[in-house]
Amino acid sequence: MKLILAELSLMERQAWLQHAIAPRPICFASTIDKAGNVNLSPFSFFNLFSSNPPIVIFSPSRKGRDNSLKHTLENVLEVPECVISIVDYDMVQQMSLSSCEFPKGVDEFVKAGFTKEASDWVTPPRIKEAKINMECRVQEVKSLGDQGGAGQLVIAEVLCIHIDDSILNAEGTMIDQTKMHQVARLGGDWYCKVDSNNLFKVAKPNTQVGMGIDSLPESIRNSQILTGNHLGQLANLTEAPMIDPAFHDDRLKNIIQYYSINPAEMENELQRYAGELLNENKVAEAWQILLAGEV
C-alpha cells in the first residue's frame, strides 16, 4: 500500500499518521489566561527535544472540524507559562475525560477530579496526583499553518521538576522505570502501558563504536536463522571476540558431535542455539557458540 497524503481527507490523514507514529507519550498541559481561568488538557503530540536548554514541545493543533483554536493555545499566548504533567496508568481514565471539549471557562481540574497544587515558578497550578510535574516558561509558539489540523508548537523551557518519591529507585537518585507506569497513545482508541512485563534493555555502544554488521563473518552476516536484532547485538561489540579455550557448554559439545558429518546442518544448529542465547541477552556466550562453527 502507498498513500499520497495530499489525496487524503484530514481525518484519514490523521488516522493513518496516528496509527503509524506510535506510541506517543501523553502529557497534561496546565495553563491559565489573563483573567485567572485555569485550563487542563492532555496532549500526545508531545516530547522532549533538548536538555540544554531543557525544552519540551507540545502541540495544541487547530481543530479539524471548525479550525478554531484550543483554549490551551489561547492561554499560553496570553500567559506564556505552563505546567507539563506526565500521564500514567493511574490517571488514564481521568485523562480521557479531561479531553472532552468543555466550554471555555470550565475547569477541567474539577471535571476530571484532580487537585490543584500551587506552582513555585509559574502561575498555572500543577496536578497534585501526577507523579511528575514540570513547571515551564513558554519560549515560543511556532505555527505550522492556519488550516484545521495544523500544529501549533508550544516550545517550553523546563524550570523545575517535581517528582513523587514513590517512583524513585532505592537510592533516591533516579526514577525507577519499573515504578512509573507511563501510558502512551496509539491510533484510534488504543493505548499502551509501560510496566515490567514489557520493559527491556538494549546495550548501547556509548563511547566505543560498534564494529557494524558489515564486519561480521559472512556465514553469520548472511544467516537465514539469525534475525536483524541478533546481528545487531553481535555487531555492537567493538571487534569480534576470540575463541575462549575455557568456554564449556554441553549443548555445544553435543551439536558438534552429532552434526560433525554434516557441516551445513551443524552451522544451522549452532546459529539456532546462538539465537536463543541472544534472546536472553547472552551475547558473549552466543559469540562463543558461533565461533565454534567458524573453526
C-alpha atoms as a PDB file:
ATOM      1  CA  MET A   1       0.000   0.000   0.000  1.00  0.00           C
ATOM      2  CA  LYS A   2       1.176   3.523  -0.774  1.00  0.00           C
ATOM      3  CA  LEU A   3      -0.599   6.625   0.494  1.00  0.00           C
ATOM      4  CA  ILE A   4      -0.269  10.093  -1.004  1.00  0.00           C
ATOM      5  CA  LEU A   5      -1.176  12.301   1.940  1.00  0.00           C
ATOM      6  CA  ALA A   6      -2.281  15.213  -0.221  1.00  0.00           C
ATOM      7  CA  GLU A   7      -5.013  12.942  -1.624  1.00  0.00           C
ATOM      8  CA  LEU A   8      -6.438  12.029   1.796  1.00  0.00           C
ATOM      9  CA  SER A   9      -9.013  13.894   3.831  1.00  0.00           C
ATOM     10  CA  LEU A  10      -7.844  15.481   7.069  1.00  0.00           C
ATOM     11  CA  MET A  11      -9.462  12.748   9.168  1.00  0.00           C
ATOM     12  CA  GLU A  12      -7.974   9.963   7.021  1.00  0.00           C
ATOM     13  CA  ARG A  13      -4.545  11.567   7.145  1.00  0.00           C
ATOM     14  CA  GLN A  14      -4.721  11.952  10.909  1.00  0.00           C
ATOM     15  CA  ALA A  15      -5.850   8.356  11.421  1.00  0.00           C
ATOM     16  CA  TRP A  16      -3.052   6.869   9.319  1.00  0.00           C
ATOM     17  CA  LEU A  17      -0.383   9.031  10.930  1.00  0.00           C
ATOM     18  CA  GLN A  18      -1.558   8.382  14.478  1.00  0.00           C
ATOM     19  CA  HIS A  19      -1.661   4.632  13.913  1.00  0.00           C
ATOM     20  CA  ALA A  20       1.783   4.634  12.290  1.00  0.00           C
ATOM     21  CA  ILE A  21       3.628   7.030  14.601  1.00  0.00           C
ATOM     22  CA  ALA A  22       3.091   5.396  17.970  1.00  0.00           C
ATOM     23  CA  PRO A  23       3.391   5.026  20.871  1.00  0.00           C
ATOM     24  CA  ARG A  24       3.363   8.718  21.736  1.00  0.00           C
ATOM     25  CA  PRO A  25       3.880   9.865  25.349  1.00  0.00           C
ATOM     26  CA  ILE A  26       0.982  11.780  26.848  1.00  0.00           C
ATOM     27  CA  CYS A  27       1.231  14.904  28.959  1.00  0.00           C
ATOM     28  CA  PHE A  28      -1.180  17.246  30.641  1.00  0.00           C
ATOM     29  CA  ALA A  29      -0.685  20.954  29.999  1.00  0.00           C
ATOM     30  CA  SER A  30      -1.978  23.191  32.763  1.00  0.00           C
ATOM     31  CA  THR A  31      -2.384  26.792  31.570  1.00  0.00           C
ATOM     32  CA  ILE A  32      -4.087  29.993  32.684  1.00  0.00           C
ATOM     33  CA  ASP A  33      -5.489  33.075  30.966  1.00  0.00           C
ATOM     34  CA  LYS A  34      -5.100  36.714  31.995  1.00  0.00           C
ATOM     35  CA  ALA A  35      -8.375  36.570  33.929  1.00  0.00           C
ATOM     36  CA  GLY A  36      -7.093  33.675  36.039  1.00  0.00           C
ATOM     37  CA  ASN A  37      -9.166  30.902  34.410  1.00  0.00           C
ATOM     38  CA  VAL A  38      -7.280  27.580  34.506  1.00  0.00           C
ATOM     39  CA  ASN A  39      -7.358  25.040  31.691  1.00  0.00           C
ATOM     40  CA  LEU A  40      -6.103  21.449  31.776  1.00  0.00           C
ATOM     41  CA  SER A  41      -5.757  19.438  28.555  1.00  0.00           C
ATOM     42  CA  PRO A  42      -3.945  16.241  27.531  1.00  0.00           C
ATOM     43  CA  PHE A  43      -1.638  16.043  24.509  1.00  0.00           C
ATOM     44  CA  SER A  44       0.025  13.116  22.763  1.00  0.00           C
ATOM     45  CA  PHE A  45       1.739  15.436  20.290  1.00  0.00           C
ATOM     46  CA  PHE A  46       4.418  15.922  22.954  1.00  0.00           C
ATOM     47  CA  ASN A  47       8.047  15.097  23.649  1.00  0.00           C
ATOM     48  CA  LEU A  48      11.464  16.159  24.935  1.00  0.00           C
ATOM     49  CA  PHE A  49      13.599  17.986  22.387  1.00  0.00           C
ATOM     50  CA  SER A  50      16.595  19.423  24.241  1.00  0.00           C
ATOM     51  CA  SER A  51      18.482  19.032  27.502  1.00  0.00           C
ATOM     52  CA  ASN A  52      20.490  22.248  27.303  1.00  0.00           C
ATOM     53  CA  PRO A  53      18.362  24.280  27.338  1.00  0.00           C
ATOM     54  CA  PRO A  54      15.766  21.838  28.754  1.00  0.00           C
ATOM     55  CA  ILE A  55      12.981  22.049  26.174  1.00  0.00           C
ATOM     56  CA  VAL A  56       9.715  20.164  25.819  1.00  0.00           C
ATOM     57  CA  ILE A  57       7.253  20.762  22.993  1.00  0.00           C
ATOM     58  CA  PHE A  58       3.559  20.003  22.753  1.00  0.00           C
ATOM     59  CA  SER A  59       1.127  20.915  20.009  1.00  0.00           C
ATOM     60  CA  PRO A  60      -2.450  22.117  20.551  1.00  0.00           C
ATOM     61  CA  SER A  61      -3.384  21.796  16.885  1.00  0.00           C
ATOM     62  CA  ARG A  62      -6.114  23.883  15.288  1.00  0.00           C
ATOM     63  CA  LYS A  63      -9.370  21.937  15.443  1.00  0.00           C
ATOM     64  CA  GLY A  64     -10.094  19.945  12.320  1.00  0.00           C
ATOM     65  CA  ARG A  65     -13.849  20.451  12.448  1.00  0.00           C
ATOM     66  CA  ASP A  66     -14.053  24.246  12.553  1.00  0.00           C
ATOM     67  CA  ASN A  67     -10.418  25.458  12.541  1.00  0.00           C
ATOM     68  CA  SER A  68     -10.862  27.110  15.949  1.00  0.00           C
ATOM     69  CA  LEU A  69      -8.051  27.441  18.483  1.00  0.00           C
ATOM     70  CA  LYS A  70      -7.831  25.299  21.589  1.00  0.00           C
ATOM     71  CA  HIS A  71      -8.158  27.015  24.934  1.00  0.00           C
ATOM     72  CA  THR A  72      -4.649  25.868  25.847  1.00  0.00           C
ATOM     73  CA  LEU A  73      -3.190  27.760  22.895  1.00  0.00           C
ATOM     74  CA  GLU A  74      -5.178  30.890  23.666  1.00  0.00           C
ATOM     75  CA  ASN A  75      -3.948  30.739  27.249  1.00  0.00           C
ATOM     76  CA  VAL A  76      -0.225  30.405  26.514  1.00  0.00           C
ATOM     77  CA  LEU A  77      -0.490  33.280  24.050  1.00  0.00           C
ATOM     78  CA  GLU A  78      -1.879  35.398  26.905  1.00  0.00           C
ATOM     79  CA  VAL A  79       0.242  33.992  29.747  1.00  0.00           C
ATOM     80  CA  PRO A  80       3.363  32.237  28.387  1.00  0.00           C
ATOM     81  CA  GLU A  81       3.664  29.679  31.157  1.00  0.00           C
ATOM     82  CA  CYS A  82       2.501  26.097  31.693  1.00  0.00           C
ATOM     83  CA  VAL A  83       2.889  23.040  33.857  1.00  0.00           C
ATOM     84  CA  ILE A  84       3.568  19.801  31.995  1.00  0.00           C
ATOM     85  CA  SER A  85       2.471  16.696  33.910  1.00  0.00           C
ATOM     86  CA  ILE A  86       3.241  13.152  32.791  1.00  0.00           C
ATOM     87  CA  VAL A  87       0.220  10.871  32.434  1.00  0.00           C
ATOM     88  CA  ASP A  88       0.495   7.420  33.989  1.00  0.00           C
ATOM     89  CA  TYR A  89      -1.858   4.458  34.186  1.00  0.00           C
ATOM     90  CA  ASP A  90      -3.343   5.578  37.498  1.00  0.00           C
ATOM     91  CA  MET A  91      -4.948   8.588  35.782  1.00  0.00           C
ATOM     92  CA  VAL A  92      -5.569   7.381  32.220  1.00  0.00           C
ATOM     93  CA  GLN A  93      -9.363   7.400  32.521  1.00  0.00           C
ATOM     94  CA  GLN A  94      -9.368  10.870  34.060  1.00  0.00           C
ATOM     95  CA  MET A  95      -7.080  11.965  31.244  1.00  0.00           C
ATOM     96  CA  SER A  96      -9.576  10.730  28.673  1.00  0.00           C
ATOM     97  CA  LEU A  97     -12.404  12.539  30.459  1.00  0.00           C
ATOM     98  CA  SER A  98     -10.464  15.799  30.518  1.00  0.00           C
ATOM     99  CA  SER A  99     -10.061  15.670  26.720  1.00  0.00           C
ATOM    100  CA  CYS A 100     -13.758  16.487  26.299  1.00  0.00           C
ATOM    101  CA  GLU A 101     -14.342  19.859  24.656  1.00  0.00           C
ATOM    102  CA  PHE A 102     -15.755  21.666  27.670  1.00  0.00           C
ATOM    103  CA  PRO A 103     -16.765  25.312  27.125  1.00  0.00           C
ATOM    104  CA  LYS A 104     -14.176  27.989  27.818  1.00  0.00           C
ATOM    105  CA  GLY A 105     -14.077  28.839  31.497  1.00  0.00           C
ATOM    106  CA  VAL A 106     -14.961  25.308  32.627  1.00  0.00           C
ATOM    107  CA  ASP A 107     -12.269  23.984  34.969  1.00  0.00           C
ATOM    108  CA  GLU A 108     -11.049  20.574  33.764  1.00  0.00           C
ATOM    109  CA  PHE A 109      -9.319  20.049  37.124  1.00  0.00           C
ATOM    110  CA  VAL A 110     -12.787  19.898  38.640  1.00  0.00           C
ATOM    111  CA  LYS A 111     -14.380  17.908  35.793  1.00  0.00           C
ATOM    112  CA  ALA A 112     -11.628  15.269  35.841  1.00  0.00           C
ATOM    113  CA  GLY A 113     -11.336  15.168  39.637  1.00  0.00           C
ATOM    114  CA  PHE A 114      -7.790  16.435  40.017  1.00  0.00           C
ATOM    115  CA  THR A 115      -6.418  18.583  42.838  1.00  0.00           C
ATOM    116  CA  LYS A 116      -4.707  21.895  42.106  1.00  0.00           C
ATOM    117  CA  GLU A 117      -1.366  22.466  43.754  1.00  0.00           C
ATOM    118  CA  ALA A 118       0.378  25.848  43.668  1.00  0.00           C
ATOM    119  CA  SER A 119       3.465  26.014  41.480  1.00  0.00           C
ATOM    120  CA  ASP A 120       6.738  27.561  42.640  1.00  0.00           C
ATOM    121  CA  TRP A 121       7.937  29.236  39.445  1.00  0.00           C
ATOM    122  CA  VAL A 122       4.865  29.787  37.257  1.00  0.00           C
ATOM    123  CA  THR A 123       1.248  30.851  37.634  1.00  0.00           C
ATOM    124  CA  PRO A 124      -0.648  27.759  36.361  1.00  0.00           C
ATOM    125  CA  PRO A 125      -1.167  25.117  39.050  1.00  0.00           C
ATOM    126  CA  ARG A 126       0.284  21.643  38.916  1.00  0.00           C
ATOM    127  CA  ILE A 127      -1.615  18.358  39.372  1.00  0.00           C
ATOM    128  CA  LYS A 128      -1.205  17.022  42.890  1.00  0.00           C
ATOM    129  CA  GLU A 129      -1.996  13.460  41.762  1.00  0.00           C
ATOM    130  CA  ALA A 130       0.616  13.481  38.982  1.00  0.00           C
ATOM    131  CA  LYS A 131       3.906  11.782  39.845  1.00  0.00           C
ATOM    132  CA  ILE A 132       5.898  14.122  37.589  1.00  0.00           C
ATOM    133  CA  ASN A 133       5.147  17.843  37.175  1.00  0.00           C
ATOM    134  CA  MET A 134       7.357  20.214  35.184  1.00  0.00           C
ATOM    135  CA  GLU A 135       6.987  23.954  35.613  1.00  0.00           C
ATOM    136  CA  CYS A 136       7.744  25.635  32.303  1.00  0.00           C
ATOM    137  CA  ARG A 137       8.184  29.030  30.710  1.00  0.00           C
ATOM    138  CA  VAL A 138       6.904  29.212  27.123  1.00  0.00           C
ATOM    139  CA  GLN A 139       9.717  30.428  24.884  1.00  0.00           C
ATOM    140  CA  GLU A 140       7.869  30.471  21.577  1.00  0.00           C
ATOM    141  CA  VAL A 141       4.701  29.347  19.826  1.00  0.00           C
ATOM    142  CA  LYS A 142       5.526  28.144  16.314  1.00  0.00           C
ATOM    143  CA  SER A 143       2.545  27.913  13.982  1.00  0.00           C
ATOM    144  CA  LEU A 144       2.699  25.226  11.295  1.00  0.00           C
ATOM    145  CA  GLY A 145      -0.279  26.608   9.386  1.00  0.00           C
ATOM    146  CA  ASP A 146      -3.655  28.290   9.586  1.00  0.00           C
ATOM    147  CA  GLN A 147      -5.794  25.379   8.400  1.00  0.00           C
ATOM    148  CA  GLY A 148      -7.726  22.873  10.513  1.00  0.00           C
ATOM    149  CA  GLY A 149      -5.363  20.240  11.882  1.00  0.00           C
ATOM    150  CA  ALA A 150      -2.295  22.488  11.669  1.00  0.00           C
ATOM    151  CA  GLY A 151       0.044  22.063  14.607  1.00  0.00           C
ATOM    152  CA  GLN A 152       0.865  24.968  16.887  1.00  0.00           C
ATOM    153  CA  LEU A 153       4.123  24.067  18.577  1.00  0.00           C
ATOM    154  CA  VAL A 154       4.405  25.332  22.127  1.00  0.00           C
ATOM    155  CA  ILE A 155       8.134  25.399  22.877  1.00  0.00           C
ATOM    156  CA  ALA A 156       8.573  25.436  26.630  1.00  0.00           C
ATOM    157  CA  GLU A 157      11.653  25.581  28.838  1.00  0.00           C
ATOM    158  CA  VAL A 158      11.531  23.378  31.933  1.00  0.00           C
ATOM    159  CA  LEU A 159      12.388  25.409  35.027  1.00  0.00           C
ATOM    160  CA  CYS A 160      11.627  22.924  37.791  1.00  0.00           C
ATOM    161  CA  ILE A 161      10.587  19.266  38.052  1.00  0.00           C
ATOM    162  CA  HIS A 162       8.521  17.863  40.926  1.00  0.00           C
ATOM    163  CA  ILE A 163       8.899  14.073  41.279  1.00  0.00           C
ATOM    164  CA  ASP A 164       6.920  11.873  43.657  1.00  0.00           C
ATOM    165  CA  ASP A 165       9.250   9.897  45.915  1.00  0.00           C
ATOM    166  CA  SER A 166       7.220   6.739  45.269  1.00  0.00           C
ATOM    167  CA  ILE A 167       8.717   6.348  41.784  1.00  0.00           C
ATOM    168  CA  LEU A 168      12.374   6.829  42.770  1.00  0.00           C
ATOM    169  CA  ASN A 169      14.867   3.978  42.944  1.00  0.00           C
ATOM    170  CA  ALA A 170      16.080   2.593  46.267  1.00  0.00           C
ATOM    171  CA  GLU A 171      18.956   5.083  46.392  1.00  0.00           C
ATOM    172  CA  GLY A 172      16.639   8.005  45.642  1.00  0.00           C
ATOM    173  CA  THR A 173      18.926   9.099  42.816  1.00  0.00           C
ATOM    174  CA  MET A 174      16.772   8.479  39.740  1.00  0.00           C
ATOM    175  CA  ILE A 175      13.311   7.486  38.570  1.00  0.00           C
ATOM    176  CA  ASP A 176      12.814   3.722  38.685  1.00  0.00           C
ATOM    177  CA  GLN A 177      11.373   2.940  35.268  1.00  0.00           C
ATOM    178  CA  THR A 178       9.541  -0.102  36.646  1.00  0.00           C
ATOM    179  CA  LYS A 179       7.587   2.106  39.075  1.00  0.00           C
ATOM    180  CA  MET A 180       6.468   4.866  36.694  1.00  0.00           C
ATOM    181  CA  HIS A 181       3.723   3.232  34.646  1.00  0.00           C
ATOM    182  CA  GLN A 182       3.534   5.765  31.835  1.00  0.00           C
ATOM    183  CA  VAL A 183       0.854   5.381  29.202  1.00  0.00           C
ATOM    184  CA  ALA A 184       1.167   6.252  25.539  1.00  0.00           C
ATOM    185  CA  ARG A 185      -1.249   6.982  22.744  1.00  0.00           C
ATOM    186  CA  LEU A 186      -1.662   4.753  19.718  1.00  0.00           C
ATOM    187  CA  GLY A 187      -4.232   5.046  16.924  1.00  0.00           C
ATOM    188  CA  GLY A 188      -7.987   5.169  17.437  1.00  0.00           C
ATOM    189  CA  ASP A 189      -8.985   4.169  20.973  1.00  0.00           C
ATOM    190  CA  TRP A 190      -5.760   2.257  21.588  1.00  0.00           C
ATOM    191  CA  TYR A 191      -3.226   2.995  24.335  1.00  0.00           C
ATOM    192  CA  CYS A 192      -0.320   1.104  25.852  1.00  0.00           C
ATOM    193  CA  LYS A 193       1.141   0.953  29.349  1.00  0.00           C
ATOM    194  CA  VAL A 194       4.773   0.767  30.382  1.00  0.00           C
ATOM    195  CA  ASP A 195       5.355  -1.846  33.079  1.00  0.00           C
ATOM    196  CA  SER A 196       7.825  -4.582  33.998  1.00  0.00           C
ATOM    197  CA  ASN A 197       6.124  -7.043  31.622  1.00  0.00           C
ATOM    198  CA  ASN A 198       7.101  -5.071  28.516  1.00  0.00           C
ATOM    199  CA  LEU A 199      10.333  -3.343  29.588  1.00  0.00           C
ATOM    200  CA  PHE A 200      13.655  -4.468  28.156  1.00  0.00           C
ATOM    201  CA  LYS A 201      17.176  -3.109  27.926  1.00  0.00           C
ATOM    202  CA  VAL A 202      19.331  -2.594  24.838  1.00  0.00           C
ATOM    203  CA  ALA A 203      23.095  -2.324  25.231  1.00  0.00           C
ATOM    204  CA  LYS A 204      24.497   0.987  23.970  1.00  0.00           C
ATOM    205  CA  PRO A 205      27.941   1.411  22.345  1.00  0.00           C
ATOM    206  CA  ASN A 206      28.305   4.767  24.168  1.00  0.00           C
ATOM    207  CA  THR A 207      31.929   5.953  23.870  1.00  0.00           C
ATOM    208  CA  GLN A 208      33.061   2.932  21.851  1.00  0.00           C
ATOM    209  CA  VAL A 209      31.913   2.398  18.292  1.00  0.00           C
ATOM    210  CA  GLY A 210      30.344  -0.944  17.402  1.00  0.00           C
ATOM    211  CA  MET A 211      32.046  -2.848  14.594  1.00  0.00           C
ATOM    212  CA  GLY A 212      28.884  -2.971  12.468  1.00  0.00           C
ATOM    213  CA  ILE A 213      27.063  -5.842  10.793  1.00  0.00           C
ATOM    214  CA  ASP A 214      29.267  -5.499   7.700  1.00  0.00           C
ATOM    215  CA  SER A 215      32.231  -6.655   9.833  1.00  0.00           C
ATOM    216  CA  LEU A 216      30.628  -9.937  10.894  1.00  0.00           C
ATOM    217  CA  PRO A 217      31.849 -13.181   9.303  1.00  0.00           C
ATOM    218  CA  GLU A 218      29.966 -13.857   6.073  1.00  0.00           C
ATOM    219  CA  SER A 219      28.344 -17.042   7.357  1.00  0.00           C
ATOM    220  CA  ILE A 220      26.863 -15.100  10.286  1.00  0.00           C
ATOM    221  CA  ARG A 221      26.034 -11.959   8.306  1.00  0.00           C
ATOM    222  CA  ASN A 222      24.102 -13.933   5.673  1.00  0.00           C
ATOM    223  CA  SER A 223      22.413 -16.283   8.134  1.00  0.00           C
ATOM    224  CA  GLN A 224      18.874 -17.376   7.334  1.00  0.00           C
ATOM    225  CA  ILE A 225      18.303 -18.112  11.020  1.00  0.00           C
ATOM    226  CA  LEU A 226      19.673 -15.147  12.932  1.00  0.00           C
ATOM    227  CA  THR A 227      17.470 -12.054  12.794  1.00  0.00           C
ATOM    228  CA  GLY A 228      18.427  -8.434  12.264  1.00  0.00           C
ATOM    229  CA  ASN A 229      18.168  -7.906  16.014  1.00  0.00           C
ATOM    230  CA  HIS A 230      20.535 -10.820  16.608  1.00  0.00           C
ATOM    231  CA  LEU A 231      23.080  -9.420  14.155  1.00  0.00           C
ATOM    232  CA  GLY A 232      22.779  -6.001  15.766  1.00  0.00           C
ATOM    233  CA  GLN A 233      23.610  -7.484  19.174  1.00  0.00           C
ATOM    234  CA  LEU A 234      26.639  -9.313  17.811  1.00  0.00           C
ATOM    235  CA  ALA A 235      27.898  -6.272  15.906  1.00  0.00           C
ATOM    236  CA  ASN A 236      27.526  -3.916  18.861  1.00  0.00           C
ATOM    237  CA  LEU A 237      30.944  -5.056  20.097  1.00  0.00           C
ATOM    238  CA  THR A 238      33.991  -3.072  19.022  1.00  0.00           C
ATOM    239  CA  GLU A 239      35.522  -6.208  17.497  1.00  0.00           C
ATOM    240  CA  ALA A 240      34.787  -9.902  17.187  1.00  0.00           C
ATOM    241  CA  PRO A 241      35.995 -11.824  20.264  1.00  0.00           C
ATOM    242  CA  MET A 242      38.491 -14.660  20.163  1.00  0.00           C
ATOM    243  CA  ILE A 243      37.673 -18.272  20.963  1.00  0.00           C
ATOM    244  CA  ASP A 244      37.845 -18.798  24.706  1.00  0.00           C
ATOM    245  CA  PRO A 245      39.570 -22.153  25.400  1.00  0.00           C
ATOM    246  CA  ALA A 246      37.979 -22.231  28.864  1.00  0.00           C
ATOM    247  CA  PHE A 247      34.442 -21.937  27.496  1.00  0.00           C
ATOM    248  CA  HIS A 248      32.453 -25.111  28.107  1.00  0.00           C
ATOM    249  CA  ASP A 249      28.884 -25.824  27.051  1.00  0.00           C
ATOM    250  CA  ASP A 250      27.319 -29.263  26.986  1.00  0.00           C
ATOM    251  CA  ARG A 251      24.819 -28.401  24.269  1.00  0.00           C
ATOM    252  CA  LEU A 252      27.605 -27.048  22.070  1.00  0.00           C
ATOM    253  CA  LYS A 253      29.531 -30.254  22.604  1.00  0.00           C
ATOM    254  CA  ASN A 254      26.517 -32.372  21.629  1.00  0.00           C
ATOM    255  CA  ILE A 255      25.846 -30.304  18.484  1.00  0.00           C
ATOM    256  CA  ILE A 256      29.426 -30.720  17.277  1.00  0.00           C
ATOM    257  CA  GLN A 257      29.426 -34.455  17.971  1.00  0.00           C
ATOM    258  CA  TYR A 258      26.011 -35.132  16.428  1.00  0.00           C
ATOM    259  CA  TYR A 259      26.344 -32.973  13.306  1.00  0.00           C
ATOM    260  CA  SER A 260      30.073 -33.355  12.612  1.00  0.00           C
ATOM    261  CA  ILE A 261      29.394 -35.306   9.412  1.00  0.00           C
ATOM    262  CA  ASN A 262      27.105 -32.549   8.074  1.00  0.00           C
ATOM    263  CA  PRO A 263      28.829 -29.145   8.453  1.00  0.00           C
ATOM    264  CA  ALA A 264      25.932 -27.171   6.923  1.00  0.00           C
ATOM    265  CA  GLU A 265      23.408 -28.617   9.355  1.00  0.00           C
ATOM    266  CA  MET A 266      25.830 -28.116  12.234  1.00  0.00           C
ATOM    267  CA  GLU A 267      26.138 -24.441  11.329  1.00  0.00           C
ATOM    268  CA  ASN A 268      22.345 -24.128  11.336  1.00  0.00           C
ATOM    269  CA  GLU A 269      22.086 -25.749  14.772  1.00  0.00           C
ATOM    270  CA  LEU A 270      24.826 -23.533  16.171  1.00  0.00           C
ATOM    271  CA  GLN A 271      23.056 -20.455  14.859  1.00  0.00           C
ATOM    272  CA  ARG A 272      19.734 -21.594  16.317  1.00  0.00           C
ATOM    273  CA  TYR A 273      21.377 -22.056  19.695  1.00  0.00           C
ATOM    274  CA  ALA A 274      23.159 -18.707  19.430  1.00  0.00           C
ATOM    275  CA  GLY A 275      19.841 -17.062  18.596  1.00  0.00           C
ATOM    276  CA  GLU A 276      18.292 -18.471  21.776  1.00  0.00           C
ATOM    277  CA  LEU A 277      21.189 -17.100  23.815  1.00  0.00           C
ATOM    278  CA  LEU A 278      20.903 -13.690  22.164  1.00  0.00           C
ATOM    279  CA  ASN A 279      17.205 -13.631  23.044  1.00  0.00           C
ATOM    280  CA  GLU A 280      18.402 -13.853  26.649  1.00  0.00           C
ATOM    281  CA  ASN A 281      20.993 -11.096  26.035  1.00  0.00           C
ATOM    282  CA  LYS A 282      23.846 -13.593  26.490  1.00  0.00           C
ATOM    283  CA  VAL A 283      25.985 -12.024  23.782  1.00  0.00           C
ATOM    284  CA  ALA A 284      29.375 -13.342  24.939  1.00  0.00           C
ATOM    285  CA  GLU A 285      28.088 -16.911  25.102  1.00  0.00           C
ATOM    286  CA  ALA A 286      26.413 -16.602  21.691  1.00  0.00           C
ATOM    287  CA  TRP A 287      29.690 -15.438  20.162  1.00  0.00           C
ATOM    288  CA  GLN A 288      31.473 -18.499  21.537  1.00  0.00           C
ATOM    289  CA  ILE A 289      28.838 -20.785  20.044  1.00  0.00           C
ATOM    290  CA  LEU A 290      29.128 -19.120  16.635  1.00  0.00           C
ATOM    291  CA  LEU A 291      32.920 -19.086  16.708  1.00  0.00           C
ATOM    292  CA  ALA A 292      32.854 -22.851  17.190  1.00  0.00           C
ATOM    293  CA  GLY A 293      31.302 -23.128  13.764  1.00  0.00           C
ATOM    294  CA  GLU A 294      33.989 -20.941  12.202  1.00  0.00           C
ATOM    295  CA  VAL A 295      36.824 -23.274  13.193  1.00  0.00           C
END
